[in-house]
Protein backbone atom coordinates (compact mmCIF):
# COMPACT_ATOMS: atom_id res chain seq x y z
CA UNK A 1 -0.01 -0.03 0.00
CA UNK A 2 1.39 3.51 -1.01
CA UNK A 3 0.44 6.87 0.54
CA UNK A 4 0.20 10.40 -0.62
CA UNK A 5 0.10 13.31 1.72
CA UNK A 6 -2.04 16.16 0.43
CA UNK A 7 -1.31 19.72 1.92
CA UNK A 8 -3.24 22.85 1.34
CA UNK A 9 -2.59 25.64 3.84
CA UNK A 10 -3.17 24.35 7.35
CA UNK A 11 -5.21 21.28 6.01
CA UNK A 12 -3.27 17.97 5.66
CA UNK A 13 -4.63 14.54 4.80
CA UNK A 14 -3.17 11.23 3.83
CA UNK A 15 -4.52 9.09 0.92
CA UNK A 16 -3.70 5.41 0.51
CA UNK A 17 -3.66 3.76 -2.88
CA UNK A 18 -2.59 0.30 -4.21
CA UNK A 19 -1.67 1.11 -7.73
CA UNK A 20 0.00 3.88 -9.77
CA UNK A 21 -2.38 6.88 -10.19
CA UNK A 22 -2.28 10.34 -11.57
CA UNK A 23 -2.17 13.06 -9.05
CA UNK A 24 -5.45 14.39 -10.39
CA UNK A 25 -7.15 11.01 -9.58
CA UNK A 26 -5.89 11.06 -6.16
CA UNK A 27 -7.22 14.62 -5.55
CA UNK A 28 -10.59 13.93 -7.12
CA UNK A 29 -11.16 10.84 -5.18
CA UNK A 30 -10.86 13.04 -1.97
CA UNK A 31 -13.31 15.38 -3.33
CA UNK A 32 -10.81 18.21 -3.42
CA UNK A 33 -12.15 20.94 -5.81
CA UNK A 34 -9.37 21.36 -8.39
CA UNK A 35 -9.67 23.15 -11.55
CA UNK A 36 -8.44 21.37 -14.80
CA UNK A 37 -9.88 23.62 -17.58
CA UNK A 38 -8.51 21.53 -20.50
CA UNK A 39 -10.29 18.37 -19.20
CA UNK A 40 -7.05 16.70 -18.10
CA UNK A 41 -5.39 17.02 -21.56
CA UNK A 42 -2.22 18.57 -20.23
CA UNK A 43 -2.57 21.55 -22.47
CA UNK A 44 -3.60 24.39 -20.16
CA UNK A 45 -1.09 24.10 -17.33
CA UNK A 46 -3.68 25.35 -14.75
CA UNK A 47 -3.53 22.06 -12.55
CA UNK A 48 0.03 22.87 -11.41
CA UNK A 49 1.06 21.56 -8.08
CA UNK A 50 4.14 21.15 -6.05
CA UNK A 51 4.80 17.46 -5.82
CA UNK A 52 7.66 15.22 -4.61
CA UNK A 53 8.32 11.61 -4.02
CA UNK A 54 8.04 8.46 -6.26
CA UNK A 55 6.72 10.19 -9.46
CA UNK A 56 7.03 9.70 -13.16
CA UNK A 57 9.54 11.78 -15.00
CA UNK A 58 7.86 14.66 -16.89
CA UNK A 59 7.52 14.24 -20.63
CA UNK A 60 8.25 16.88 -23.18
CA UNK A 61 4.83 18.37 -23.16
CA UNK A 62 4.71 18.63 -19.44
CA UNK A 63 8.19 20.09 -19.31
CA UNK A 64 7.20 22.78 -21.63
CA UNK A 65 4.36 23.85 -19.36
CA UNK A 66 6.38 23.72 -16.02
CA UNK A 67 9.71 25.03 -17.21
CA UNK A 68 9.20 28.61 -15.92
CA UNK A 69 7.41 27.37 -12.74
CA UNK A 70 8.88 26.87 -9.20
CA UNK A 71 11.14 23.83 -8.53
CA UNK A 72 9.11 20.53 -8.05
CA UNK A 73 6.01 21.86 -10.07
CA UNK A 74 4.10 19.19 -11.73
CA UNK A 75 0.80 18.97 -13.70
CA UNK A 76 -1.56 16.89 -11.73
CA UNK A 77 -3.37 15.59 -14.83
CA UNK A 78 -0.10 14.25 -16.25
CA UNK A 79 2.17 13.28 -13.30
CA UNK A 80 1.64 9.68 -12.07
CA UNK A 81 2.41 8.63 -8.43
CA UNK A 82 4.24 5.26 -8.48
CA UNK A 83 4.75 5.28 -4.62
CA UNK A 84 4.77 7.49 -1.63
CA UNK A 85 4.50 11.13 -2.40
CA UNK A 86 3.53 14.50 -1.26
CA UNK A 87 1.35 17.11 -3.00
CA UNK A 88 1.26 20.82 -1.87
CA UNK A 89 -1.86 22.61 -3.29
CA UNK A 90 -2.02 26.29 -3.74
CA UNK A 91 -4.35 28.17 -1.24
CA UNK A 92 -7.60 29.25 -2.70
CA UNK A 93 -9.31 32.38 -1.91
CA UNK A 94 -11.37 33.00 -4.91
CA UNK A 95 -13.71 36.14 -5.20
CA UNK A 96 -17.10 34.63 -6.02
CA UNK A 97 -20.00 37.04 -6.08
CA UNK A 98 -23.23 35.95 -4.43
CA UNK A 99 -24.86 39.33 -3.71
CA UNK A 100 -27.42 40.83 -6.01
CA UNK A 101 -30.16 43.41 -6.10
CA UNK A 102 -33.54 42.06 -4.92
CA UNK A 103 -36.59 43.82 -6.17
CA UNK A 104 -39.78 44.12 -4.04
CA UNK A 105 -42.09 41.22 -4.14
CA UNK A 106 -44.88 39.68 -2.06
CA UNK A 107 -43.67 36.99 0.46
CA UNK A 108 -45.58 33.80 -0.25
CA UNK A 109 -42.93 31.14 0.16
CA UNK A 110 -42.86 27.38 -0.57
CA UNK A 111 -43.85 24.93 2.14
CA UNK A 112 -41.60 24.67 5.19
CA UNK A 113 -39.65 26.76 7.69
CA UNK A 114 -36.45 26.96 5.81
CA UNK A 115 -35.33 26.65 2.14
CA UNK A 116 -32.24 26.77 -0.15
CA UNK A 117 -31.83 28.63 -3.33
CA UNK A 118 -28.97 27.44 -5.55
CA UNK A 119 -27.39 28.82 -8.65
CA UNK A 120 -25.20 26.26 -10.38
CA UNK A 121 -22.84 28.17 -12.68
CA UNK A 122 -20.38 26.67 -15.15
CA UNK A 123 -17.50 28.05 -13.06
CA UNK A 124 -18.98 28.88 -9.63
CA UNK A 125 -21.84 27.83 -7.40
CA UNK A 126 -23.79 29.95 -4.96
CA UNK A 127 -26.09 28.59 -2.09
CA UNK A 128 -28.41 30.64 -0.11
CA UNK A 129 -30.30 29.55 3.03
CA UNK A 130 -33.62 31.36 3.80
CA UNK A 131 -36.06 31.49 6.71
CA UNK A 132 -39.28 31.01 4.61
CA UNK A 133 -41.49 32.70 7.18
CA UNK A 134 -39.57 36.03 7.31
CA UNK A 135 -37.86 35.90 3.93
CA UNK A 136 -34.53 36.54 5.66
CA UNK A 137 -31.41 35.15 4.08
CA UNK A 138 -29.63 33.40 7.07
CA UNK A 139 -26.36 32.15 5.29
CA UNK A 140 -24.55 32.12 2.00
CA UNK A 141 -21.93 29.67 0.75
CA UNK A 142 -19.93 29.91 -2.50
CA UNK A 143 -17.48 27.61 -4.13
CA UNK A 144 -15.91 26.70 -7.44
CA UNK A 145 -17.93 24.29 -9.49
CA UNK A 146 -16.07 20.91 -8.92
CA UNK A 147 -17.01 19.89 -12.41
CA UNK A 148 -14.25 22.05 -13.77
CA UNK A 149 -12.07 19.09 -13.29
CA UNK A 150 -13.82 17.64 -16.31
CA UNK A 151 -13.28 20.67 -18.29
CA UNK A 152 -13.68 24.46 -18.06
CA UNK A 153 -16.61 24.92 -20.45
CA UNK A 154 -20.09 23.37 -21.10
CA UNK A 155 -19.07 21.60 -24.26
CA UNK A 156 -16.29 19.66 -22.76
CA UNK A 157 -18.36 18.42 -19.85
CA UNK A 158 -21.23 17.39 -22.23
CA UNK A 159 -18.79 15.38 -24.26
CA UNK A 160 -17.60 13.65 -21.08
CA UNK A 161 -21.15 12.92 -20.09
CA UNK A 162 -22.04 11.39 -23.45
CA UNK A 163 -18.70 9.51 -23.31
CA UNK A 164 -19.87 7.61 -20.27
CA UNK A 165 -18.92 9.95 -17.35
CA UNK A 166 -22.58 11.22 -16.62
CA UNK A 167 -22.69 9.65 -13.29
CA UNK A 168 -19.44 10.92 -12.09
CA UNK A 169 -20.38 14.42 -13.30
CA UNK A 170 -23.68 14.30 -11.47
CA UNK A 171 -22.08 12.95 -8.19
CA UNK A 172 -19.46 15.52 -8.21
CA UNK A 173 -21.84 18.51 -8.19
CA UNK A 174 -24.48 16.90 -5.97
CA UNK A 175 -21.90 15.95 -3.39
CA UNK A 176 -20.59 19.49 -3.25
CA UNK A 177 -24.02 20.88 -2.93
CA UNK A 178 -24.88 18.44 -0.24
CA UNK A 179 -21.83 19.38 1.70
CA UNK A 180 -22.89 23.07 1.49
CA UNK A 181 -26.38 22.16 2.70
CA UNK A 182 -25.16 20.07 5.61
CA UNK A 183 -22.61 22.70 6.76
CA UNK A 184 -25.31 25.44 6.71
CA UNK A 185 -27.98 23.29 8.43
CA UNK A 186 -25.59 22.17 11.08
CA UNK A 187 -24.45 25.89 11.76
CA UNK A 188 -28.13 26.97 12.18
CA UNK A 189 -29.15 23.56 13.81
CA UNK A 190 -32.14 23.16 11.54
CA UNK A 191 -33.55 20.80 8.96
CA UNK A 192 -34.39 21.87 5.31
CA UNK A 193 -36.51 20.00 2.97
CA UNK A 194 -37.12 22.48 0.09
CA UNK A 195 -34.86 23.96 -2.45
CA UNK A 196 -34.82 25.86 -5.77
CA UNK A 197 -31.85 25.13 -8.07
CA UNK A 198 -31.24 27.04 -11.19
CA UNK A 199 -28.48 26.91 -13.85
CA UNK A 200 -28.07 26.90 -17.60
CA UNK A 201 -29.68 23.88 -19.34
CA UNK A 202 -26.46 21.88 -19.56
CA UNK A 203 -25.71 22.41 -15.83
CA UNK A 204 -29.08 21.29 -14.74
CA UNK A 205 -29.00 18.30 -17.18
CA UNK A 206 -25.54 17.27 -15.70
CA UNK A 207 -26.98 17.74 -12.29
CA UNK A 208 -30.05 15.67 -12.82
CA UNK A 209 -28.52 13.03 -15.08
CA UNK A 210 -30.82 14.08 -17.88
CA UNK A 211 -29.56 12.87 -21.36
CA UNK A 212 -27.28 15.46 -22.78
CA UNK A 213 -27.09 14.07 -26.23
CA UNK A 214 -29.46 16.68 -27.67
CA UNK A 215 -27.05 19.31 -26.63
CA UNK A 216 -24.29 17.90 -28.79
CA UNK A 217 -25.57 18.53 -32.29
CA UNK A 218 -27.96 20.74 -34.33
CA UNK A 219 -30.88 21.28 -34.17
CA UNK A 220 -30.22 21.15 -30.32
CA UNK A 221 -33.87 20.29 -29.64
CA UNK A 222 -34.46 19.23 -26.04
CA UNK A 223 -37.39 17.29 -24.78
CA UNK A 224 -37.33 18.18 -21.08
CA UNK A 225 -37.63 21.99 -20.39
CA UNK A 226 -37.86 21.34 -16.69
CA UNK A 227 -40.16 23.55 -14.59
CA UNK A 228 -40.76 20.47 -12.31
CA UNK A 229 -40.25 19.47 -8.63
CA UNK A 230 -37.99 16.47 -8.11
CA UNK A 231 -37.33 14.22 -5.03
CA UNK A 232 -34.44 11.89 -4.42
CA UNK A 233 -31.58 13.95 -6.04
CA UNK A 234 -29.53 13.96 -2.79
CA UNK A 235 -28.34 10.82 -0.96
CA UNK A 236 -28.18 12.52 2.39
CA UNK A 237 -31.44 14.24 1.86
CA UNK A 238 -33.50 11.88 -0.02
CA UNK A 239 -36.92 13.67 0.93
CA UNK A 240 -35.80 17.11 -0.14
CA UNK A 241 -38.12 18.66 -2.77
CA UNK A 242 -36.12 20.42 -5.47
CA UNK A 243 -37.83 22.70 -7.82
CA UNK A 244 -36.01 23.15 -11.14
CA UNK A 245 -37.15 26.43 -12.95
CA UNK A 246 -38.20 26.18 -16.57
CA UNK A 247 -35.67 26.57 -19.23
CA UNK A 248 -36.24 28.36 -22.60
CA UNK A 249 -34.03 26.29 -24.89
CA UNK A 250 -31.03 23.91 -25.17
CA UNK A 251 -28.57 26.76 -24.33
CA UNK A 252 -30.92 29.34 -22.77
CA UNK A 253 -31.37 27.92 -19.31
CA UNK A 254 -33.43 28.85 -16.18
CA UNK A 255 -30.50 30.92 -14.91
CA UNK A 256 -31.19 33.67 -17.55
CA UNK A 257 -34.88 33.31 -16.84
CA UNK A 258 -34.24 33.75 -13.15
CA UNK A 259 -31.97 36.70 -13.94
CA UNK A 260 -34.56 38.45 -15.98
CA UNK A 261 -37.04 37.83 -13.14
CA UNK A 262 -34.61 39.44 -10.71
CA UNK A 263 -34.36 42.47 -13.21
CA UNK A 264 -38.16 42.69 -13.35
CA UNK A 265 -38.10 42.16 -17.07
CA UNK A 266 -41.45 40.30 -16.64
CA UNK A 267 -43.07 43.62 -15.78
CA UNK A 268 -41.67 46.59 -17.64
CA UNK A 269 -42.59 48.90 -20.39
CA UNK A 270 -38.91 50.05 -20.94
CA UNK A 271 -36.41 48.63 -23.36
CA UNK A 272 -34.17 46.58 -21.30
CA UNK A 273 -31.20 44.56 -22.28
CA UNK A 274 -29.58 42.03 -19.87
CA UNK A 275 -26.41 40.20 -20.38
CA UNK A 276 -24.72 37.51 -18.30
CA UNK A 277 -21.11 37.58 -19.26
CA UNK A 278 -19.16 34.34 -18.61
CA UNK A 279 -18.21 31.06 -20.01
CA UNK A 280 -21.68 31.11 -21.64
CA UNK A 281 -22.79 34.54 -22.79
CA UNK A 282 -26.61 34.44 -22.18
CA UNK A 283 -28.82 37.51 -22.89
CA UNK A 284 -32.27 38.85 -23.13
CA UNK A 285 -33.91 41.85 -24.72
CA UNK A 286 -37.38 43.16 -24.13
CA UNK A 287 -38.76 45.83 -26.38
CA UNK A 288 -42.50 46.85 -26.96
CA UNK A 289 -43.31 43.94 -24.54
CA UNK A 290 -41.65 41.33 -26.76
CA UNK A 291 -38.81 39.30 -25.25
CA UNK A 292 -35.96 37.81 -27.27
CA UNK A 293 -33.26 35.59 -25.84
CA UNK A 294 -30.14 34.02 -26.97
CA UNK A 295 -26.82 32.30 -25.84
CA UNK A 296 -23.41 32.36 -27.23
CA UNK A 297 -20.33 30.29 -26.42
CA UNK A 298 -17.89 32.91 -25.22
CA UNK A 299 -15.56 30.33 -23.86
CA UNK A 300 -13.66 30.44 -20.48
CA UNK A 301 -11.37 33.39 -21.28
CA UNK A 302 -13.31 35.72 -19.04
CA UNK A 303 -12.89 33.31 -16.15
CA UNK A 304 -9.15 33.22 -16.72
CA UNK A 305 -9.04 29.82 -18.38
CA UNK A 306 -7.39 29.43 -21.74
CA UNK A 307 -5.19 32.52 -20.96
CA UNK A 308 -1.53 31.74 -20.55
CA UNK A 309 -1.27 33.36 -17.14
CA UNK A 310 -4.96 33.45 -16.39
CA UNK A 311 -6.60 32.44 -13.19
CA UNK A 312 -9.98 32.74 -11.42
CA UNK A 313 -10.57 36.01 -9.35
CA UNK A 314 -8.62 35.31 -6.15
CA UNK A 315 -5.82 36.74 -4.22
CA UNK A 316 -2.90 37.78 -6.38
CA UNK A 317 -4.85 38.03 -9.50
CA UNK A 318 -4.26 41.15 -11.61
CA UNK A 319 -7.70 42.83 -11.71
CA UNK A 320 -6.93 46.25 -13.15
CA UNK A 321 -4.35 47.64 -15.47
CA UNK A 322 -3.27 51.32 -16.35
CA UNK A 323 -0.39 52.79 -18.27
CA UNK A 324 1.34 56.13 -18.44
CA UNK A 325 4.65 57.53 -19.56
CA UNK A 326 5.92 54.18 -20.72
CA UNK A 327 5.13 52.32 -17.42
CA UNK A 328 2.31 49.70 -17.02
CA UNK A 329 0.78 49.52 -13.56
CA UNK A 330 -1.39 46.77 -12.11
CA UNK A 331 -3.48 46.20 -9.01
CA UNK A 332 -4.23 42.77 -7.63
CA UNK A 333 -6.97 41.22 -5.60
CA UNK A 334 -5.88 41.36 -1.89
CA UNK A 335 -3.02 43.62 -2.77
CA UNK A 336 -0.93 40.35 -3.09
CA UNK A 337 2.00 39.68 -5.40
CA UNK A 338 0.88 39.21 -8.85
CA UNK A 339 0.45 35.49 -9.69
CA UNK A 340 -1.88 35.64 -12.66
CA UNK A 341 -4.60 37.63 -14.26
CA UNK A 342 -8.25 37.31 -13.97
CA UNK A 343 -11.11 38.33 -16.54
CA UNK A 344 -11.55 41.92 -15.31
CA UNK A 345 -7.75 42.51 -15.46
CA UNK A 346 -7.72 40.97 -19.00
CA UNK A 347 -10.39 43.41 -20.16
CA UNK A 348 -8.39 46.33 -18.61
CA UNK A 349 -5.18 45.18 -20.00
CA UNK A 350 -6.60 44.84 -23.51
CA UNK A 351 -8.06 48.36 -23.30
CA UNK A 352 -4.69 49.74 -22.17
CA UNK A 353 -2.78 47.90 -24.93
CA UNK A 354 -5.26 49.51 -27.44
CA UNK A 355 -5.09 53.02 -25.98
CA UNK A 356 -1.24 52.90 -25.85
CA UNK A 357 -0.87 51.48 -29.43
CA UNK A 358 0.80 48.26 -28.07
CA UNK A 359 -1.86 46.44 -30.08
CA UNK A 360 -3.85 47.74 -33.18
CA UNK A 361 -7.50 47.13 -33.98
CA UNK A 362 -6.70 43.70 -35.38
CA UNK A 363 -5.09 42.63 -32.06
CA UNK A 364 -1.58 42.42 -33.40
CA UNK A 365 1.13 43.48 -30.89
CA UNK A 366 3.24 46.33 -32.15
CA UNK A 367 6.85 45.21 -31.58
CA UNK A 368 8.12 48.53 -32.70
CA UNK A 369 6.43 50.64 -29.98
CA UNK A 370 9.06 52.76 -28.59
CA UNK A 371 7.36 54.33 -25.66
CA UNK A 372 6.62 50.91 -24.14
CA UNK A 373 9.63 49.03 -25.56
CA UNK A 374 10.70 47.98 -22.00
CA UNK A 375 7.37 46.03 -21.68
CA UNK A 376 7.83 44.05 -24.97
CA UNK A 377 9.06 40.50 -24.76
CA UNK A 378 8.43 37.02 -26.17
CA UNK A 379 6.78 33.88 -25.02
CA UNK A 380 6.89 30.62 -26.84
CA UNK A 381 8.54 32.33 -29.81
CA UNK A 382 5.72 34.81 -30.22
CA UNK A 383 5.34 38.55 -29.19
CA UNK A 384 4.16 39.18 -25.62
CA UNK A 385 3.85 42.10 -23.18
CA UNK A 386 4.91 42.18 -19.58
CA UNK A 387 2.41 43.43 -17.21
CA UNK A 388 4.01 42.72 -13.77
CA UNK A 389 6.80 40.51 -12.50
CA UNK A 390 6.54 37.37 -14.62
CA UNK A 391 2.92 37.91 -15.76
CA UNK A 392 2.59 38.29 -19.49
CA UNK A 393 -0.17 38.82 -21.93
CA UNK A 394 0.70 36.88 -25.17
CA UNK A 395 -0.44 37.16 -28.76
CA UNK A 396 -2.44 33.97 -28.29
CA UNK A 397 -4.18 35.53 -25.30
CA UNK A 398 -5.32 38.51 -27.19
CA UNK A 399 -6.68 36.13 -29.93
CA UNK A 400 -8.61 34.20 -27.31
CA UNK A 401 -10.08 37.38 -25.94
CA UNK A 402 -11.06 38.55 -29.41
CA UNK A 403 -12.98 35.35 -29.91
CA UNK A 404 -14.78 35.74 -26.56
CA UNK A 405 -15.61 39.50 -26.91
CA UNK A 406 -16.81 38.99 -30.52
CA UNK A 407 -19.23 36.41 -29.37
CA UNK A 408 -20.73 38.49 -26.70
CA UNK A 409 -21.01 41.69 -28.74
CA UNK A 410 -22.22 39.68 -31.86
CA UNK A 411 -24.97 38.19 -29.73
CA UNK A 412 -26.04 41.83 -28.38
CA UNK A 413 -25.94 43.11 -32.10
CA UNK A 414 -28.16 40.21 -33.21
CA UNK A 415 -30.75 40.84 -30.56
CA UNK A 416 -30.81 44.60 -31.19
CA UNK A 417 -31.07 44.01 -34.96
CA UNK A 418 -33.78 41.42 -34.55
CA UNK A 419 -35.80 43.91 -32.60
CA UNK A 420 -34.97 46.54 -35.18
CA UNK A 421 -33.60 49.04 -32.63
CA UNK A 422 -30.06 50.61 -32.01
CA UNK A 423 -28.04 50.61 -28.73
CA UNK A 424 -29.26 54.27 -28.21
CA UNK A 425 -32.85 52.89 -27.91
CA UNK A 426 -31.92 50.79 -24.82
CA UNK A 427 -33.25 52.35 -21.56
CA UNK A 428 -31.42 50.07 -19.18
CA UNK A 429 -28.37 47.68 -19.78
CA UNK A 430 -28.10 45.18 -16.99
CA UNK A 431 -24.75 43.27 -16.60
CA UNK A 432 -25.26 40.10 -14.49
CA UNK A 433 -22.89 37.65 -12.99
CA UNK A 434 -19.70 37.84 -10.91
CA UNK A 435 -17.73 39.05 -14.01
CA UNK A 436 -20.10 41.86 -14.49
CA UNK A 437 -19.98 42.88 -10.87
CA UNK A 438 -16.29 44.04 -11.09
CA UNK A 439 -15.88 44.90 -14.82
CA UNK A 440 -14.80 48.39 -15.88
CA UNK A 441 -17.55 49.27 -18.38
CA UNK A 442 -15.39 51.88 -19.89
CA UNK A 443 -12.63 49.24 -20.60
CA UNK A 444 -15.28 46.72 -21.83
CA UNK A 445 -16.64 49.37 -24.35
CA UNK A 446 -13.20 50.39 -25.41
CA UNK A 447 -12.33 46.97 -26.63
CA UNK A 448 -15.84 46.35 -28.14
CA UNK A 449 -17.17 43.95 -25.62
CA UNK A 450 -20.48 45.78 -26.11
CA UNK A 451 -21.47 48.93 -28.01
CA UNK A 452 -20.16 52.12 -26.38
CA UNK A 453 -23.68 53.66 -26.40
CA UNK A 454 -24.70 51.28 -23.72
CA UNK A 455 -21.92 52.34 -21.21
CA UNK A 456 -24.02 55.20 -19.54
CA UNK A 457 -26.99 52.82 -19.31
CA UNK A 458 -24.91 49.99 -17.67
CA UNK A 459 -25.91 48.65 -14.29
CA UNK A 460 -24.22 45.66 -12.51
CA UNK A 461 -26.77 43.47 -10.74
CA UNK A 462 -24.40 40.80 -9.27
CA UNK A 463 -25.62 37.28 -9.10
CA UNK A 464 -29.14 37.85 -10.64
CA UNK A 465 -29.55 34.13 -11.26
CA UNK A 466 -29.20 33.40 -7.64
CA UNK A 467 -31.48 36.31 -6.75
CA UNK A 468 -34.18 35.13 -9.17
CA UNK A 469 -33.90 31.47 -7.58
CA UNK A 470 -34.34 33.07 -4.27
CA UNK A 471 -37.44 34.92 -5.37
CA UNK A 472 -39.03 31.67 -6.67
CA UNK A 473 -38.36 30.11 -3.32
CA UNK A 474 -39.93 32.98 -1.46
CA UNK A 475 -42.81 33.72 -3.67
CA UNK A 476 -44.75 30.95 -5.38
CA UNK A 477 -46.73 33.31 -7.65
CA UNK A 478 -43.46 34.24 -9.32
CA UNK A 479 -43.13 30.70 -10.56
CA UNK A 480 -45.87 31.26 -13.08
CA UNK A 481 -44.08 34.47 -14.03
CA UNK A 482 -40.86 32.65 -14.76
CA UNK A 483 -42.72 29.98 -16.66
CA UNK A 484 -44.34 32.70 -18.81
CA UNK A 485 -41.02 34.29 -19.49
CA UNK A 486 -39.55 30.93 -20.62
CA UNK A 487 -42.45 29.93 -22.83
CA UNK A 488 -42.98 33.30 -24.50
CA UNK A 489 -39.37 34.17 -25.22
CA UNK A 490 -38.36 34.32 -28.74
CA UNK A 491 -35.27 32.12 -28.82
CA UNK A 492 -32.84 33.45 -31.49
CA UNK A 493 -30.67 30.71 -32.72
CA UNK A 494 -27.22 32.28 -33.34
CA UNK A 495 -25.83 29.17 -34.92
CA UNK A 496 -28.13 29.71 -37.96
CA UNK A 497 -28.46 33.48 -37.74
CA UNK A 498 -26.77 35.37 -40.78
CA UNK A 499 -26.87 38.48 -38.74
CA UNK A 500 -24.72 36.86 -35.94
CA UNK A 501 -22.28 35.47 -38.47
CA UNK A 502 -21.78 38.81 -39.99
CA UNK A 503 -21.57 40.72 -36.65
CA UNK A 504 -19.24 38.12 -35.09
CA UNK A 505 -16.68 38.66 -37.87
CA UNK A 506 -17.00 42.46 -37.50
CA UNK A 507 -16.62 42.38 -33.85
CA UNK A 508 -13.39 40.40 -33.96
CA UNK A 509 -11.64 43.73 -34.32
CA UNK A 510 -11.02 45.80 -31.25
CA UNK A 511 -12.87 48.96 -30.61
CA UNK A 512 -16.45 50.03 -31.33
CA UNK A 513 -17.29 49.49 -35.11
CA UNK A 514 -20.38 51.73 -34.65
CA UNK A 515 -18.08 54.74 -34.58
C-alpha cells in the first residue's frame, strides 16, 4: 500500500492507494475541488502543484508547461504517483459574487420553515439559506464548481457525459451541494426539505443526469424543459423537494430566466437588455413587450481559463491595469504579489494595450512601440507584453479574448437588430454575474465587448440568477411568471443566424465598429 500526503494551507490529509495513479485522480477521489480547464489533456497548465516523491519523469509536453514554474512543480493531470509522495496545493481564496439586487415582491414562500436557493454556474456555485417565514437570508455559501475538473466549459463536460462519465459528473456537483447544505444546516441547527436550483440547461442536465445528447448537435432540440419538482436527488437528503425552474432552450437555461425575473423584465414597459457575461454569454432583450433571448459560447477566457497566465478572481490576480509614460501599472486582488490575471484584469489590459498602441485594432502586438519598448518581450517564440513580475499577455491570449468578446457583442448586435432597434434605444443595460460585478464598463466598451452607447446605461446586478432563484423560493406566484418568460421568449438561434455570423466577424476587431 502506498500513501500520498496532500497539503493545502493548514489542512493536511493522507490518501492510501494500491496502484500507480495520476495526481489528479488522487485529488478527485478526495473530493478536493481542483480546476483542470482543459479536461486533463495537459494543454492548459492550470493544474500545477508542488509534488515530490516517487513520481514519473515529466515528458516533453509537461516540461514545456512547467519550465518557468517553481522547483518541483508538476501537472496533476499528467504526473503519475508510483509510490509514496506529497502534493502541496495552492491556497484558494477566490472572489465569488453571491450578492445581488433584490426587487420588491410579495412573500408567499414554498412549504416549510427553511429553504435553499442554488445557482449552479459553469465556473462557480452559490447557495443561499432562507427563513421561509420571514424571507431573511440566514447564510450564503459559494465555491468553485467541482465539475471544472472535467473541463472548463459546457461543451467539454457534455462530451464527457456522453462518453460515459454522466454519473461521475452528477455525483461531483451533487456531493458539493450536499456538503454546503449540511454545513449550513448544522450551523443553524435546523432541517431543510425545500430547494430551488437554477442553472443553464447543460448544468441542470448534468446535475439531474438528464440525457445531454440533444445538446451535442444541431438542431439542439431538447425534450425536457424542466419546470418541475424532483425528489431523491440527494443521498443524504432523499426527501428534499427540489424545484428546477423552466428553461427556454437548449442553451438558454433557467439561470437567464431567473436573472430576468430579478431584473423585473417580466413587468416593464421600458426597453431593457440584460447580459450575463461568462463562459456562456446568455442575454435577453425586451422591447415593446416582446422578449428575445439567445446564448453564445464565449469560452472560458473571461474566467481566466485558456489564458497563459490566467486564473480565477482570487488573491494575487491582476484585476486592473493602467499605463502612463511608458510604465504599465497593475493592482491585484488582496494587494498580493501578482500570480496571474483574472477576467476583469484581462479586459483592462486589452483596453490599455489598445489605448497605448501596443496592439492595433486587429489585435496584433506592435513590436516597434518605442514608448513601451521595455514592456515588450516574447513567449513561446511569439510576441508578448509584460504586465507585472513574470505575468505576461501573449499574442495568443489576445486572440482568445477577441473570440470571446466578438461572441458576446455579436450576440448583443443580433438581438438589437432582430428587434430593429439601435443601442441608443435601450433604456437600461443590466450586466449580471460575478464578472459583470467588477468589470470596468469603460474598458469593456473600449475593446468592443459591447457597444459604447450602452456604457452610460449599464448597471451591474451581481448574481441575478441566484436572486431570481431566491425569489421563486420565497414567492410561489413568481413561478408562473418565470414559466411565462420561458415559454413566451423568442429564442434566437445564433448558430443559424446570418446576422450573428456577420456581426461576429466584424466584432473580432478591437474598438467599437459603430463609430
